[in-house]
Amino acid sequence: MSFERAFAALPAGRQAVSVLDARRRLVGCLEYQICHVCRIGYVVNIAIAGHWQGQGLGRQALHTAMEPCGDYTWSTSRQSPDGRRFFGAMEEELEIAFPAGGVRCSHMTP
């Protein structure tokens, strides 16, 4: 399994962590934005293929995205029931809140 990070072309633009299987096929993706000026992170979307769920891939993708800015304030877009369970577990593990429906700063492009 590998995790590849794509960086935004614009300041505070969308970035992604792609989750690839051993044959380099896409099995998941985490889209997010980071504003270093405002020190906030925003999870736009996270999706892991059904048969790959429950193996820690979403967790590792989130850790990869947060690595350079774990001390920032984070939030997410709306959360599905599965998303609420996932972010609830991540809040407990990381001791960081991930409120749903978070607000993006003025530096972030919609």
Protein backbone atom coordinates (compact mmCIF):
# COMPACT_ATOMS: atom_id res chain seq x y z
CA MET A 1 0.00 0.00 0.00
CA SER A 2 1.30 3.47 -0.75
CA PHE A 3 0.16 6.98 0.05
CA GLU A 4 0.92 9.80 -2.37
CA ARG A 5 0.36 13.45 -1.56
CA ALA A 6 -0.57 15.96 -4.29
CA PHE A 7 0.10 19.57 -3.36
CA ALA A 8 -2.11 22.53 -4.18
CA ALA A 9 -1.12 24.86 -6.98
CA LEU A 10 -2.71 27.80 -5.17
CA PRO A 11 -2.17 28.86 -1.56
CA ALA A 12 -4.75 27.07 0.58
CA GLY A 13 -6.07 25.24 -2.51
CA ARG A 14 -7.21 21.63 -2.54
CA GLN A 15 -4.67 18.91 -1.90
CA ALA A 16 -5.06 15.15 -1.91
CA VAL A 17 -3.62 12.00 -0.44
CA SER A 18 -4.18 9.09 -2.81
CA VAL A 19 -4.20 5.55 -1.43
CA LEU A 20 -2.82 3.04 -3.94
CA ASP A 21 -2.74 -0.74 -3.71
CA ALA A 22 0.33 -2.85 -4.52
CA ARG A 23 -0.51 -2.65 -8.24
CA ARG A 24 -0.78 1.16 -7.96
CA ARG A 25 -4.56 1.17 -8.40
CA LEU A 26 -6.46 3.89 -6.59
CA VAL A 27 -8.37 2.46 -3.61
CA GLY A 28 -8.98 5.68 -1.68
CA CYS A 29 -8.52 9.42 -1.57
CA LEU A 30 -8.51 12.16 1.04
CA GLU A 31 -9.11 15.69 -0.27
CA TYR A 32 -8.24 18.55 2.07
CA GLN A 33 -7.17 22.18 2.33
CA ILE A 34 -4.61 23.80 4.60
CA CYS A 35 -4.19 27.51 5.28
CA HIS A 36 -0.84 28.21 6.91
CA VAL A 37 -1.76 31.88 7.43
CA CYS A 38 -4.86 31.05 9.50
CA ARG A 39 -3.44 27.74 10.81
CA ILE A 40 -6.50 25.71 9.84
CA GLY A 41 -7.10 22.47 7.99
CA TYR A 42 -10.32 21.39 6.32
CA VAL A 43 -11.13 17.83 5.20
CA VAL A 44 -13.19 18.15 2.03
CA ASN A 45 -13.79 14.44 1.45
CA ILE A 46 -12.42 11.03 2.37
CA ALA A 47 -13.35 7.85 0.56
CA ILE A 48 -11.92 4.33 0.77
CA ALA A 49 -13.22 1.50 -1.45
CA GLY A 50 -15.61 -0.71 0.48
CA HIS A 51 -13.51 -3.87 0.52
CA TRP A 52 -10.51 -1.87 1.80
CA GLN A 53 -12.36 -0.19 4.67
CA GLY A 54 -11.53 -1.10 8.26
CA GLN A 55 -7.82 -1.62 7.53
CA GLY A 56 -6.55 1.76 8.72
CA LEU A 57 -6.12 3.30 5.27
CA GLY A 58 -8.29 6.35 5.98
CA ARG A 59 -6.47 6.78 9.27
CA GLN A 60 -3.07 6.69 7.56
CA ALA A 61 -4.23 9.07 4.82
CA LEU A 62 -5.38 11.57 7.47
CA HIS A 63 -2.08 11.23 9.35
CA THR A 64 -0.23 11.86 6.06
CA ALA A 65 -2.27 15.01 5.36
CA MET A 66 -1.88 16.34 8.90
CA GLU A 67 1.82 15.55 9.29
CA PRO A 68 3.14 19.07 8.56
CA CYS A 69 0.39 20.84 10.50
CA GLY A 70 -1.11 18.63 13.20
CA ASP A 71 -1.30 21.52 15.65
CA TYR A 72 -3.70 23.45 13.39
CA THR A 73 -7.45 23.67 13.98
CA TRP A 74 -9.23 21.11 11.79
CA SER A 75 -12.80 20.65 10.61
CA THR A 76 -14.63 18.65 7.95
CA SER A 77 -17.39 18.99 5.43
CA ARG A 78 -20.71 17.32 6.28
CA GLN A 79 -20.19 13.80 7.64
CA SER A 80 -22.02 10.61 6.74
CA PRO A 81 -22.79 8.14 9.55
CA ASP A 82 -19.57 6.27 8.65
CA GLY A 83 -17.70 9.59 8.60
CA ARG A 84 -19.00 10.49 12.07
CA ARG A 85 -17.69 7.17 13.42
CA PHE A 86 -14.35 7.64 11.65
CA PHE A 87 -13.81 11.23 12.79
CA GLY A 88 -15.03 10.36 16.29
CA ALA A 89 -12.33 7.69 16.50
CA MET A 90 -9.73 10.10 15.07
CA GLU A 91 -10.71 12.79 17.59
CA GLU A 92 -10.11 10.30 20.39
CA GLU A 93 -6.80 9.08 18.95
CA LEU A 94 -5.35 12.50 18.08
CA GLU A 95 -7.06 14.58 20.77
CA ILE A 96 -8.07 17.04 18.04
CA ALA A 97 -11.65 18.03 17.22
CA PHE A 98 -12.97 17.45 13.70
CA PRO A 99 -16.32 19.29 13.76
CA ALA A 100 -18.60 18.68 10.76
CA GLY A 101 -19.65 21.55 8.55
CA GLY A 102 -16.55 23.55 9.41
CA VAL A 103 -15.97 26.97 7.96
CA ARG A 104 -13.18 27.63 5.50
CA CYS A 105 -11.13 30.79 5.79
CA SER A 106 -11.06 33.47 3.10
CA HIS A 107 -7.79 32.05 1.71
CA MET A 108 -9.40 28.74 0.79
CA THR A 109 -11.00 28.34 -2.60
CA PRO A 110 -14.37 26.53 -2.55
